[in-house]
Amino acid sequence: MTQTAMTMQGEGTTGRTPRRRQVGVVTSNRGDKTIRVVCRFIVKHAKYGKYLRRRTVLHAHDERNECGVGDRVEVMECRPVSKTKHWRLVRIVNRAPATAAVVGSGGEP
């Protein structure tokens, strides 16, 4: 056994690269056990130097249906769960503030 293999076994790592993690905001939770997460980032234009806003839309697996729209969540890459779902929910970073009053709830003439 080589020295690196022994070192890796001793540390308890499996030898694969760590999975990617993203933090974003839930924009939809309509599907059963599925959430849509938008991750926003800024890139600099190569030629003109202007900063551009970009976004990535991820579909993630939410096993317990615990996320709501507006929640800030952390998702991690995983094996494909369905055609578009390749991420799973790790944790809810911040809950969205609950709306105090629903606009147009009736009751007033």
Protein backbone atom coordinates (compact mmCIF):
# COMPACT_ATOMS: atom_id res chain seq x y z
CA MET A 1 0.00 0.00 0.00
CA THR A 2 1.36 3.42 -0.90
CA GLN A 3 1.92 6.19 1.58
CA THR A 4 -0.86 8.36 0.12
CA ALA A 5 -3.36 5.50 0.24
CA MET A 6 -2.51 4.86 3.87
CA THR A 7 -2.82 8.56 4.66
CA MET A 8 -6.22 8.75 3.00
CA GLN A 9 -7.45 5.70 4.87
CA GLY A 10 -6.16 7.04 8.15
CA GLU A 11 -8.05 10.33 7.70
CA GLY A 12 -11.32 8.57 6.94
CA THR A 13 -11.85 10.19 3.53
CA THR A 14 -13.35 8.21 0.70
CA GLY A 15 -10.99 9.65 -1.90
CA ARG A 16 -13.57 11.44 -4.04
CA THR A 17 -13.76 15.16 -4.60
CA PRO A 18 -16.07 17.14 -2.34
CA ARG A 19 -19.53 17.82 -3.76
CA ARG A 20 -20.44 21.32 -4.88
CA ARG A 21 -22.65 23.43 -2.62
CA GLN A 22 -24.68 26.49 -3.53
CA VAL A 23 -26.69 28.96 -1.48
CA GLY A 24 -29.79 30.49 -3.04
CA VAL A 25 -33.39 31.57 -2.58
CA VAL A 26 -36.39 29.29 -3.06
CA THR A 27 -38.65 30.66 -5.82
CA SER A 28 -41.08 27.75 -6.09
CA ASN A 29 -42.13 24.79 -3.98
CA ARG A 30 -45.15 23.66 -5.98
CA GLY A 31 -43.89 20.18 -6.82
CA ASP A 32 -44.05 17.40 -4.27
CA LYS A 33 -40.61 17.14 -2.60
CA THR A 34 -39.16 19.55 -5.17
CA ILE A 35 -37.97 23.13 -4.80
CA ARG A 36 -36.62 25.57 -7.36
CA VAL A 37 -33.63 27.54 -6.09
CA VAL A 38 -32.20 30.65 -7.77
CA CYS A 39 -28.50 31.33 -7.14
CA ARG A 40 -27.45 34.84 -8.13
CA PHE A 41 -23.88 35.92 -8.85
CA ILE A 42 -21.96 38.75 -10.51
CA VAL A 43 -19.41 38.36 -13.31
CA LYS A 44 -17.15 40.92 -14.92
CA HIS A 45 -17.39 41.33 -18.69
CA ALA A 46 -14.12 40.21 -20.29
CA LYS A 47 -13.82 43.10 -22.73
CA TYR A 48 -15.69 46.05 -21.24
CA GLY A 49 -15.22 45.42 -17.52
CA LYS A 50 -18.87 46.02 -16.67
CA TYR A 51 -20.26 43.85 -13.89
CA LEU A 52 -23.21 41.74 -15.02
CA ARG A 53 -25.81 40.04 -12.87
CA ARG A 54 -26.32 36.37 -13.66
CA ARG A 55 -28.41 33.62 -12.11
CA THR A 56 -28.56 29.85 -12.06
CA VAL A 57 -31.82 27.98 -11.53
CA LEU A 58 -31.49 24.65 -9.73
CA HIS A 59 -34.13 22.02 -9.00
CA ALA A 60 -33.48 20.39 -5.64
CA HIS A 61 -34.94 17.49 -3.66
CA ASP A 62 -36.70 18.51 -0.43
CA GLU A 63 -37.53 15.21 1.28
CA ARG A 64 -39.74 16.65 4.06
CA ASN A 65 -41.37 19.51 2.10
CA GLU A 66 -40.11 21.96 4.72
CA CYS A 67 -39.08 24.89 2.47
CA GLY A 68 -41.24 27.87 1.64
CA VAL A 69 -40.97 30.48 -1.07
CA GLY A 70 -38.40 33.12 -0.12
CA ASP A 71 -36.35 30.87 2.18
CA ARG A 72 -32.57 31.09 1.81
CA VAL A 73 -31.26 27.52 1.52
CA GLU A 74 -28.06 25.58 0.99
CA VAL A 75 -28.18 22.77 -1.58
CA MET A 76 -25.59 20.13 -2.44
CA GLU A 77 -24.96 18.29 -5.68
CA CYS A 78 -26.05 14.65 -5.72
CA ARG A 79 -26.85 11.83 -8.09
CA PRO A 80 -29.74 12.48 -10.49
CA VAL A 81 -33.08 12.08 -8.72
CA SER A 82 -35.12 12.87 -11.85
CA LYS A 83 -34.64 14.42 -15.28
CA THR A 84 -33.89 17.90 -13.90
CA LYS A 85 -33.16 17.31 -10.18
CA HIS A 86 -29.46 16.86 -9.43
CA TRP A 87 -29.32 18.73 -6.12
CA ARG A 88 -30.64 18.06 -2.63
CA LEU A 89 -31.49 20.31 0.29
CA VAL A 90 -28.80 20.47 2.98
CA ARG A 91 -30.23 23.09 5.33
CA ILE A 92 -32.39 26.18 5.54
CA VAL A 93 -30.11 29.15 6.18
CA ASN A 94 -32.85 31.77 6.78
CA ARG A 95 -36.62 31.48 6.79
CA ALA A 96 -38.62 34.00 4.76
CA PRO A 97 -40.53 36.50 6.87
CA ALA A 98 -44.20 35.57 7.09
CA THR A 99 -46.50 38.12 5.48
CA ALA A 100 -48.64 39.84 8.10
CA ALA A 101 -51.68 40.55 5.94
CA VAL A 102 -52.74 39.15 2.62
CA VAL A 103 -53.60 41.86 0.10
CA GLY A 104 -57.16 41.64 -1.22
CA SER A 105 -58.38 39.19 1.40
CA GLY A 106 -61.93 40.51 1.13
CA GLY A 107 -64.20 41.65 3.92
CA GLU A 108 -64.13 45.31 2.81
CA PRO A 109 -66.77 46.64 0.36
